Amino acid sequence: MAASASPGESEPPAPPSARRPKLKDSGLAPLVVLFILNAVDEFDRAVLAVALDSIREDFGLSDLTVALLPLAVIFITGIISLPAGNWSDRWRRVNILSAGAIVWGTAGLFAAASSNFIQLFLTRALLGFGQGTIIPTHGSLLSDYYPVSVRGRALGYHRSANPLGQVIGAVIGGIIVGAVGWRWGFAAAAVPGLLLGIYAWRLREPGRGEADLLAAAKQDPMFASFLNDPPDKLGFFESLGSVWRIRSLRMLIFTNAAFGFSLFGVVFWIPAFFERRYDFSTEEAAGALAILAFAGFIGSWYGGPFADRSLGKGFGYLGKVGAWGAGLLTVTWSLAFVIPSAGICIFLLTAGALLASVGTGGLVSIIAAVSPPRIRAQAFAAFGLALAVCGAAAAPLAIGGISEAFQAFADMNDGDSLRWAMLLATSVVMTLGTWFAYEAARTCAADAQKTMGEFLS
């Protein structure tokens, strides 16, 4: 079994007649619905990035004040995310994700109708109800719909929806914002989320650990008796304690926090950076964001199949690939803000995003492998909350504050101040993230073996 393979070891080759498992063997409908919901969420985030300067000018805001908008979302996301993880381990996940998407879409429509910054802040905060349910429900459901042999592809494809949504949001959102204003951009993101939330009620609710047990039952029929949900569902704090005690999971949560800070900090400010530093138009700045996001989409899309093909080398190998990707991202993105050329900057940002995202499929697969099924939603919730708190909330605010400090105390223009602020966010934080990823790679194979052994014993 792949979960028991240690770093550097290979499983015996499959017999020539064995057919490679395919995603469609387990059904494609759940992945398609969750993929689109994930993409729509990122579409909205990209529209906010593209519309940032327009919102700032409309309401007469400073960089620091407008950077509070992501904090509005994370305020509710932070409150709802961890409880949603525990709810998802105890109740029907399909109902939770559907209700969250409906609230999210409705809040997006209200945000589009805001007449002042306070209203916009509060309605954007309501989006957190939907975003707080995405990571715990989606990751847990996909891990139970799809067995470990294809799980890397399922989670990798699902994660590729994030950069794809950014591409679509940057291109289509940039066109909408440039033509008719930021309000219509928010509305364009809200309507699909609302409709998909209603449709998601039709998804089947799988059992906890269902895919793993079905795979095990093919080898030993006795495991079929375990296909019911575990009766000993853990309480909120007990569940969190179980997540914290798994070392590789803890290190990956820290890795995701560092990734989130650099990724969301850069993505949020990239359009404004190119407009200020290189005099790009709104549409051109949106195009730069789209190129960066498309590189992340390509890397994530192929990272999932790469993770599945590499299972024979062990989860430790997948962790090391993720750590190398984090290191390369640190170097290329740091250089991007040092070299004063728009073309070179875009190239280095794109290269770093491509290389790092190839390894993310393996890292997300490790999250599923080391997390016992009864707390898997809570594990994904903690993983996603780290990304959201350090990324969607803290990073834009921190970079905006550093940028204003450079303007006030170093007499920099707003383009240079933003460049140096993003450089600091990338070089310092992602160096820590690379170290956390390496530490996770050292212990994830043993943790995965222990989790699977305890689950099937």
Protein backbone atom coordinates (compact mmCIF):
# COMPACT_ATOMS: atom_id res chain seq x y z
CA MET A 1 0.00 0.00 0.00
CA ALA A 2 1.33 3.43 -0.90
CA ALA A 3 0.69 4.78 2.58
CA SER A 4 3.20 2.36 4.07
CA ALA A 5 5.99 3.11 1.67
CA SER A 6 8.92 4.95 3.19
CA PRO A 7 10.98 7.62 1.43
CA GLY A 8 13.25 6.15 -1.19
CA GLU A 9 11.41 2.80 -1.31
CA SER A 10 9.43 1.68 -4.33
CA GLU A 11 6.43 -0.59 -4.41
CA PRO A 12 6.60 -3.73 -6.58
CA PRO A 13 5.64 -2.98 -10.17
CA ALA A 14 2.07 -3.76 -11.11
CA PRO A 15 1.56 -6.77 -13.35
CA PRO A 16 1.40 -5.89 -17.04
CA SER A 17 -2.30 -6.70 -17.22
CA ALA A 18 -3.20 -4.29 -14.39
CA ARG A 19 -5.08 -1.23 -15.58
CA ARG A 20 -4.09 2.09 -14.09
CA PRO A 21 -6.97 3.38 -11.93
CA LYS A 22 -8.88 6.30 -13.41
CA LEU A 23 -10.85 9.10 -11.80
CA LYS A 24 -14.00 8.21 -13.73
CA ASP A 25 -14.02 4.79 -12.02
CA SER A 26 -15.19 6.61 -8.88
CA GLY A 27 -17.43 9.12 -10.70
CA LEU A 28 -16.59 12.58 -11.98
CA ALA A 29 -19.69 14.53 -10.89
CA PRO A 30 -18.51 15.35 -7.33
CA LEU A 31 -15.12 16.56 -8.56
CA VAL A 32 -16.69 18.73 -11.28
CA VAL A 33 -19.15 20.43 -8.90
CA LEU A 34 -16.53 21.07 -6.22
CA PHE A 35 -14.01 22.21 -8.84
CA ILE A 36 -16.40 24.86 -10.19
CA LEU A 37 -17.37 26.04 -6.70
CA ASN A 38 -13.70 26.42 -5.83
CA ALA A 39 -13.00 28.31 -9.06
CA VAL A 40 -15.90 30.72 -8.47
CA ASP A 41 -14.53 31.57 -5.03
CA GLU A 42 -11.18 32.50 -6.56
CA PHE A 43 -12.94 34.40 -9.35
CA ASP A 44 -14.39 36.71 -6.71
CA ARG A 45 -11.01 37.14 -5.03
CA ALA A 46 -9.38 38.04 -8.37
CA VAL A 47 -12.11 40.57 -9.13
CA LEU A 48 -11.38 42.25 -5.79
CA ALA A 49 -7.67 42.45 -6.67
CA VAL A 50 -8.39 43.92 -10.11
CA ALA A 51 -10.93 46.38 -8.68
CA LEU A 52 -8.74 47.43 -5.77
CA ASP A 53 -7.63 50.81 -7.08
CA SER A 54 -11.12 51.57 -8.42
CA ILE A 55 -12.64 50.90 -5.00
CA ARG A 56 -9.92 52.96 -3.32
CA GLU A 57 -10.61 55.92 -5.60
CA ASP A 58 -14.40 55.62 -5.39
CA PHE A 59 -14.41 55.75 -1.60
CA GLY A 60 -11.27 57.88 -1.12
CA LEU A 61 -9.31 55.25 0.82
CA SER A 62 -5.64 54.71 1.68
CA ASP A 63 -3.68 51.52 0.87
CA LEU A 64 -3.98 50.38 4.47
CA THR A 65 -7.72 50.98 4.63
CA VAL A 66 -8.59 49.24 1.36
CA ALA A 67 -6.43 46.28 2.48
CA LEU A 68 -8.98 45.76 5.27
CA LEU A 69 -11.42 44.24 2.73
CA PRO A 70 -9.80 40.77 2.78
CA LEU A 71 -9.81 41.04 6.58
CA ALA A 72 -13.59 41.43 6.40
CA VAL A 73 -13.88 38.00 4.81
CA ILE A 74 -11.38 36.32 7.12
CA PHE A 75 -13.08 37.68 10.24
CA ILE A 76 -16.06 35.41 9.59
CA THR A 77 -13.98 32.69 7.92
CA GLY A 78 -11.81 32.49 11.04
CA ILE A 79 -14.88 32.16 13.26
CA ILE A 80 -16.62 29.56 11.10
CA SER A 81 -13.76 27.50 9.61
CA LEU A 82 -12.65 25.32 12.54
CA PRO A 83 -16.20 24.69 13.83
CA ALA A 84 -17.19 23.88 10.22
CA GLY A 85 -14.40 21.30 10.16
CA ASN A 86 -15.77 19.61 13.26
CA TRP A 87 -19.35 19.83 11.94
CA SER A 88 -18.15 18.23 8.71
CA ASP A 89 -16.66 15.33 10.66
CA ARG A 90 -19.96 14.81 12.51
CA TRP A 91 -22.78 15.79 10.12
CA ARG A 92 -23.62 15.71 6.40
CA ARG A 93 -20.88 17.58 4.58
CA VAL A 94 -22.96 18.06 1.42
CA ASN A 95 -25.54 20.10 3.33
CA ILE A 96 -22.84 22.24 4.96
CA LEU A 97 -21.04 23.08 1.71
CA SER A 98 -24.30 23.80 -0.12
CA ALA A 99 -25.60 26.15 2.60
CA GLY A 100 -22.24 27.91 2.69
CA ALA A 101 -22.23 28.46 -1.08
CA ILE A 102 -25.77 29.88 -1.02
CA VAL A 103 -24.88 32.35 1.76
CA TRP A 104 -21.66 33.24 -0.08
CA GLY A 105 -23.47 34.00 -3.36
CA THR A 106 -26.17 36.07 -1.65
CA ALA A 107 -23.56 38.10 0.23
CA GLY A 108 -21.72 38.76 -3.03
CA LEU A 109 -24.82 40.32 -4.54
CA PHE A 110 -25.24 42.58 -1.50
CA ALA A 111 -21.57 43.59 -1.76
CA ALA A 112 -22.13 44.66 -5.36
CA ALA A 113 -24.92 47.00 -4.19
CA SER A 114 -22.87 48.67 -1.41
CA SER A 115 -23.08 52.47 -1.36
CA ASN A 116 -20.20 53.12 1.07
CA PHE A 117 -17.10 51.43 2.44
CA ILE A 118 -18.75 50.28 5.70
CA GLN A 119 -21.49 48.47 3.77
CA LEU A 120 -18.92 46.91 1.46
CA PHE A 121 -16.82 45.77 4.43
CA LEU A 122 -19.78 44.16 6.20
CA THR A 123 -21.19 42.43 3.12
CA ARG A 124 -17.74 41.12 2.17
CA ALA A 125 -17.53 39.77 5.72
CA LEU A 126 -20.61 37.63 5.04
CA LEU A 127 -18.67 35.90 2.26
CA GLY A 128 -16.69 34.27 5.05
CA PHE A 129 -19.62 31.98 5.83
CA GLY A 130 -19.19 30.34 2.46
CA GLN A 131 -15.41 30.41 2.33
CA GLY A 132 -15.20 28.92 5.82
CA THR A 133 -16.91 25.75 4.58
CA ILE A 134 -14.92 25.22 1.37
CA ILE A 135 -11.67 23.71 2.64
CA PRO A 136 -13.03 21.32 5.32
CA THR A 137 -15.95 19.99 3.28
CA HIS A 138 -14.29 19.82 -0.13
CA GLY A 139 -11.07 18.17 1.04
CA SER A 140 -12.86 15.65 3.23
CA LEU A 141 -15.46 14.74 0.60
CA LEU A 142 -12.90 14.29 -2.17
CA SER A 143 -10.78 12.06 0.10
CA ASP A 144 -13.82 9.84 0.68
CA TYR A 145 -15.07 9.85 -2.92
CA TYR A 146 -11.67 8.88 -4.40
CA PRO A 147 -9.21 6.17 -3.24
CA VAL A 148 -5.54 6.85 -2.64
CA SER A 149 -4.62 5.53 -6.11
CA VAL A 150 -6.34 8.51 -7.78
CA ARG A 151 -6.64 10.91 -4.85
CA GLY A 152 -3.62 12.96 -5.93
CA ARG A 153 -5.35 13.68 -9.23
CA ALA A 154 -8.67 14.52 -7.56
CA LEU A 155 -7.11 16.89 -5.01
CA GLY A 156 -4.65 18.31 -7.55
CA TYR A 157 -7.35 19.03 -10.13
CA HIS A 158 -9.54 20.54 -7.42
CA ARG A 159 -6.70 22.77 -6.23
CA SER A 160 -6.00 23.85 -9.83
CA ALA A 161 -9.43 25.52 -9.73
CA ASN A 162 -7.88 28.22 -7.51
CA PRO A 163 -5.46 29.61 -10.13
CA LEU A 164 -7.97 28.93 -12.91
CA GLY A 165 -10.51 31.06 -11.07
CA GLN A 166 -7.85 33.74 -10.71
CA VAL A 167 -7.19 33.63 -14.47
CA ILE A 168 -10.86 33.93 -15.34
CA GLY A 169 -11.39 36.56 -12.67
CA ALA A 170 -8.41 38.58 -13.84
CA VAL A 171 -9.36 38.44 -17.54
CA ILE A 172 -13.15 38.55 -17.45
CA GLY A 173 -13.22 40.51 -14.20
CA GLY A 174 -10.71 42.99 -15.62
CA ILE A 175 -12.88 43.49 -18.69
CA ILE A 176 -16.02 43.93 -16.59
CA VAL A 177 -14.40 46.29 -14.10
CA GLY A 178 -12.80 48.33 -16.86
CA ALA A 179 -16.04 48.53 -18.86
CA VAL A 180 -18.86 48.87 -16.31
CA GLY A 181 -17.24 49.07 -12.87
CA TRP A 182 -16.33 46.87 -9.91
CA ARG A 183 -19.93 46.33 -8.75
CA TRP A 184 -20.77 44.28 -11.84
CA GLY A 185 -17.57 42.30 -11.33
CA PHE A 186 -18.75 41.21 -7.86
CA ALA A 187 -22.18 40.33 -9.24
CA ALA A 188 -20.63 38.19 -11.99
CA ALA A 189 -18.90 36.12 -9.30
CA ALA A 190 -21.89 35.87 -6.97
CA VAL A 191 -24.52 34.46 -9.33
CA PRO A 192 -22.66 31.22 -10.32
CA GLY A 193 -21.83 30.52 -6.66
CA LEU A 194 -25.47 30.90 -5.68
CA LEU A 195 -26.72 28.57 -8.43
CA LEU A 196 -24.06 25.93 -7.80
CA GLY A 197 -24.80 26.01 -4.09
CA ILE A 198 -28.39 25.06 -4.82
CA TYR A 199 -27.29 22.29 -7.21
CA ALA A 200 -24.78 20.89 -4.70
CA TRP A 201 -27.65 19.57 -2.51
CA ARG A 202 -27.89 16.70 -5.02
CA LEU A 203 -24.42 15.33 -4.30
CA ARG A 204 -24.17 11.95 -2.57
CA GLU A 205 -22.76 11.91 0.98
CA PRO A 206 -19.97 9.26 1.17
CA GLY A 207 -19.06 7.39 4.35
CA ARG A 208 -16.00 8.46 6.36
CA GLY A 209 -12.99 6.69 4.87
CA GLU A 210 -15.24 5.04 2.31
CA ALA A 211 -12.77 5.10 -0.57
CA ASP A 212 -9.96 3.62 1.54
CA LEU A 213 -12.20 0.88 2.90
CA LEU A 214 -13.56 -0.04 -0.52
CA ALA A 215 -10.00 -0.34 -1.82
CA ALA A 216 -9.04 -2.47 1.19
CA ALA A 217 -12.17 -4.64 0.81
CA LYS A 218 -11.03 -5.65 -2.68
CA GLN A 219 -8.02 -7.28 -1.01
CA ASP A 220 -9.83 -8.56 2.09
CA PRO A 221 -13.68 -8.65 2.17
CA MET A 222 -13.72 -8.36 5.98
CA PHE A 223 -13.04 -4.61 5.66
CA ALA A 224 -16.46 -4.10 4.02
CA SER A 225 -18.00 -4.31 7.51
CA PHE A 226 -16.33 -1.01 8.41
CA LEU A 227 -18.14 1.02 5.71
CA ASN A 228 -20.42 2.78 8.19
CA ASP A 229 -19.44 6.11 9.77
CA PRO A 230 -17.32 5.65 12.91
CA PRO A 231 -19.53 5.85 16.03
CA ASP A 232 -16.86 7.59 18.15
CA LYS A 233 -17.00 11.04 16.53
CA LEU A 234 -14.77 13.48 18.37
CA GLY A 235 -15.74 16.77 19.96
CA PHE A 236 -14.33 20.08 18.75
CA PHE A 237 -11.34 20.44 21.09
CA GLU A 238 -10.56 16.73 21.10
CA SER A 239 -10.52 16.80 17.32
CA LEU A 240 -8.20 19.82 17.24
CA GLY A 241 -5.87 18.09 19.69
CA SER A 242 -5.69 15.04 17.43
CA VAL A 243 -4.77 17.24 14.47
CA TRP A 244 -2.04 19.03 16.43
CA ARG A 245 -0.40 15.80 17.61
CA ILE A 246 0.42 14.66 14.04
CA ARG A 247 3.80 16.28 13.43
CA SER A 248 3.86 16.26 9.62
CA LEU A 249 0.32 17.66 9.56
CA ARG A 250 1.37 20.41 11.95
CA MET A 251 4.37 21.28 9.76
CA LEU A 252 2.19 21.37 6.62
CA ILE A 253 -0.24 23.75 8.33
CA PHE A 254 2.71 26.08 9.02
CA THR A 255 3.88 25.62 5.40
CA ASN A 256 0.45 26.60 4.13
CA ALA A 257 0.47 29.69 6.36
CA ALA A 258 3.76 30.83 4.77
CA PHE A 259 2.52 29.99 1.26
CA GLY A 260 -0.66 31.91 1.93
CA PHE A 261 1.13 35.01 3.18
CA SER A 262 3.34 35.26 0.09
CA LEU A 263 0.77 34.04 -2.44
CA PHE A 264 -2.18 36.15 -1.38
CA GLY A 265 -0.03 39.14 -0.54
CA VAL A 266 1.46 39.16 -4.02
CA VAL A 267 -1.75 38.28 -5.87
CA PHE A 268 -3.76 40.92 -4.02
CA TRP A 269 -1.31 43.72 -4.79
CA ILE A 270 0.06 42.64 -8.22
CA PRO A 271 -2.45 44.62 -10.33
CA ALA A 272 -1.86 47.79 -8.28
CA PHE A 273 1.91 47.17 -8.39
CA PHE A 274 2.05 47.04 -12.19
CA GLU A 275 -0.27 50.04 -12.50
CA ARG A 276 1.90 52.15 -10.19
CA ARG A 277 5.39 50.87 -10.97
CA TYR A 278 5.11 50.26 -14.72
CA ASP A 279 2.10 52.44 -15.68
CA PHE A 280 -0.02 49.47 -16.77
CA SER A 281 -3.69 50.08 -17.52
CA THR A 282 -6.33 48.21 -15.48
CA GLU A 283 -6.71 45.67 -18.29
CA GLU A 284 -2.92 45.22 -18.67
CA ALA A 285 -2.47 44.76 -14.93
CA ALA A 286 -5.27 42.20 -14.94
CA GLY A 287 -3.45 40.44 -17.78
CA ALA A 288 -0.28 40.20 -15.67
CA LEU A 289 -2.29 38.62 -12.86
CA ALA A 290 -3.89 36.23 -15.35
CA ILE A 291 -0.50 35.05 -16.64
CA LEU A 292 0.68 34.39 -13.10
CA ALA A 293 -2.51 32.54 -12.19
CA PHE A 294 -2.46 30.49 -15.40
CA ALA A 295 1.03 29.23 -14.53
CA GLY A 296 -0.32 28.12 -11.15
CA PHE A 297 -3.22 26.37 -12.89
CA ILE A 298 -0.92 24.42 -15.23
CA GLY A 299 1.34 23.37 -12.37
CA SER A 300 -1.57 22.30 -10.14
CA TRP A 301 -3.30 20.47 -13.00
CA TYR A 302 -0.24 18.32 -13.72
CA GLY A 303 0.84 18.16 -10.08
CA GLY A 304 -2.04 15.81 -9.19
CA PRO A 305 -1.19 13.11 -11.77
CA PHE A 306 2.48 13.53 -10.83
CA ALA A 307 1.60 12.79 -7.19
CA ASP A 308 -0.30 9.63 -8.18
CA ARG A 309 2.52 8.38 -10.40
CA SER A 310 5.04 9.04 -7.62
CA LEU A 311 3.17 7.19 -4.86
CA GLY A 312 5.50 4.22 -5.26
CA LYS A 313 8.39 6.42 -4.11
CA GLY A 314 6.58 7.19 -0.88
CA PHE A 315 4.95 10.21 0.68
CA GLY A 316 8.36 11.41 1.85
CA TYR A 317 9.35 11.87 -1.78
CA LEU A 318 6.20 13.92 -2.45
CA GLY A 319 7.01 16.07 0.56
CA LYS A 320 10.53 16.73 -0.69
CA VAL A 321 9.19 17.74 -4.12
CA GLY A 322 6.89 20.20 -2.37
CA ALA A 323 9.79 21.57 -0.31
CA TRP A 324 11.93 22.06 -3.45
CA GLY A 325 9.02 23.88 -5.08
CA ALA A 326 8.73 26.19 -2.08
CA GLY A 327 12.45 26.93 -2.24
CA LEU A 328 12.37 27.72 -5.94
CA LEU A 329 9.36 30.00 -5.40
CA THR A 330 11.31 31.90 -2.74
CA VAL A 331 14.26 32.50 -5.07
CA THR A 332 12.35 33.41 -8.25
CA TRP A 333 9.82 35.71 -6.57
CA SER A 334 12.52 37.51 -4.61
CA LEU A 335 14.45 38.15 -7.82
CA ALA A 336 11.26 39.32 -9.54
CA PHE A 337 11.00 42.32 -7.24
CA VAL A 338 14.72 43.10 -7.28
CA ILE A 339 15.19 43.31 -11.07
CA PRO A 340 13.52 46.55 -12.34
CA SER A 341 11.93 45.16 -15.51
CA ALA A 342 8.23 44.45 -16.05
CA GLY A 343 8.91 41.60 -18.49
CA ILE A 344 11.49 39.88 -16.28
CA CYS A 345 9.27 40.38 -13.24
CA ILE A 346 6.33 38.65 -14.93
CA PHE A 347 8.58 35.83 -16.19
CA LEU A 348 10.09 35.12 -12.76
CA LEU A 349 6.74 35.31 -10.98
CA THR A 350 5.28 32.92 -13.56
CA ALA A 351 8.20 30.46 -13.33
CA GLY A 352 8.05 30.38 -9.54
CA ALA A 353 4.28 29.81 -9.49
CA LEU A 354 4.58 27.00 -12.05
CA LEU A 355 7.35 25.16 -10.22
CA ALA A 356 5.82 25.49 -6.76
CA SER A 357 2.32 24.46 -7.82
CA VAL A 358 3.56 21.17 -9.30
CA GLY A 359 4.40 20.09 -5.76
CA THR A 360 1.13 21.20 -4.14
CA GLY A 361 -0.81 18.12 -5.30
CA GLY A 362 1.56 15.91 -3.35
CA LEU A 363 1.40 18.10 -0.25
CA VAL A 364 -2.41 18.05 -0.24
CA SER A 365 -2.33 14.26 -0.74
CA ILE A 366 -0.15 14.02 2.36
CA ILE A 367 -2.77 15.95 4.35
CA ALA A 368 -5.36 13.29 3.43
CA ALA A 369 -2.94 10.41 4.06
CA VAL A 370 -1.79 11.41 7.55
CA SER A 371 -5.27 12.48 8.79
CA PRO A 372 -7.55 9.78 10.25
CA PRO A 373 -10.91 9.83 8.38
CA ARG A 374 -12.88 10.79 11.48
CA ILE A 375 -10.93 14.08 11.82
CA ARG A 376 -10.02 14.62 8.16
CA ALA A 377 -12.39 17.55 7.66
CA GLN A 378 -10.96 19.22 10.77
CA ALA A 379 -7.43 18.68 9.43
CA PHE A 380 -8.35 20.33 6.12
CA ALA A 381 -10.07 23.13 8.06
CA ALA A 382 -6.90 23.89 10.03
CA PHE A 383 -4.83 23.64 6.85
CA GLY A 384 -7.13 26.04 5.02
CA LEU A 385 -7.51 28.43 7.95
CA ALA A 386 -3.74 28.89 8.09
CA LEU A 387 -3.82 29.85 4.42
CA ALA A 388 -6.74 32.21 4.93
CA VAL A 389 -5.57 33.94 8.12
CA CYS A 390 -1.96 34.45 7.05
CA GLY A 391 -2.84 34.93 3.39
CA ALA A 392 -6.22 36.46 2.60
CA ALA A 393 -6.29 38.59 5.76
CA ALA A 394 -2.85 39.30 7.19
CA ALA A 395 -0.72 39.52 4.03
CA PRO A 396 -2.58 42.29 2.13
CA LEU A 397 -2.85 44.32 5.32
CA ALA A 398 0.81 43.81 6.27
CA ILE A 399 2.09 44.61 2.77
CA GLY A 400 -0.16 47.69 2.58
CA GLY A 401 1.11 48.88 5.96
CA ILE A 402 4.77 48.29 5.05
CA SER A 403 4.24 50.11 1.75
CA GLU A 404 2.82 53.15 3.51
CA ALA A 405 5.69 53.08 6.03
CA PHE A 406 8.23 53.14 3.18
CA GLN A 407 6.40 56.11 1.65
CA ALA A 408 6.32 57.99 4.96
CA PHE A 409 9.80 57.27 6.30
CA ALA A 410 11.93 56.41 3.24
CA ASP A 411 10.39 58.99 0.88
CA MET A 412 9.56 56.31 -1.74
CA ASN A 413 6.88 56.67 -4.40
CA ASP A 414 3.89 54.32 -4.13
CA GLY A 415 5.26 51.95 -6.79
CA ASP A 416 8.68 51.42 -5.22
CA SER A 417 7.25 51.16 -1.72
CA LEU A 418 4.91 48.39 -2.85
CA ARG A 419 7.76 46.58 -4.62
CA TRP A 420 9.95 46.47 -1.50
CA ALA A 421 7.02 45.50 0.70
CA MET A 422 6.25 42.48 -1.52
CA LEU A 423 9.95 41.56 -1.64
CA LEU A 424 10.08 41.36 2.14
CA ALA A 425 6.89 39.29 2.27
CA THR A 426 8.29 36.79 -0.23
CA SER A 427 11.92 36.39 0.84
CA VAL A 428 11.51 36.21 4.62
CA VAL A 429 8.22 34.34 4.96
CA MET A 430 8.78 31.77 2.19
CA THR A 431 12.21 30.90 3.58
CA LEU A 432 10.39 29.78 6.71
CA GLY A 433 7.78 28.01 4.60
CA THR A 434 10.46 26.02 2.78
CA TRP A 435 11.90 24.83 6.08
CA PHE A 436 8.47 23.76 7.36
CA ALA A 437 7.84 21.79 4.14
CA TYR A 438 11.18 20.02 4.51
CA GLU A 439 10.37 19.10 8.11
CA ALA A 440 6.99 17.69 7.02
CA ALA A 441 8.72 15.57 4.36
CA ARG A 442 10.90 13.94 7.01
CA THR A 443 8.02 12.41 8.99
CA CYS A 444 5.00 12.22 6.67
CA ALA A 445 5.65 8.63 5.48
CA ALA A 446 5.72 7.28 9.03
CA ASP A 447 2.64 9.33 9.97
CA ALA A 448 0.72 8.06 6.93
CA GLN A 449 1.64 4.45 7.71
CA LYS A 450 0.52 4.86 11.31
CA THR A 451 -2.79 6.49 10.32
CA MET A 452 -3.69 3.78 7.81
CA GLY A 453 -2.65 1.01 10.20
CA GLU A 454 -4.81 2.36 13.02
CA PHE A 455 -7.76 2.91 10.70
CA LEU A 456 -7.74 -0.63 9.31
CA SER A 457 -6.90 -2.37 12.61
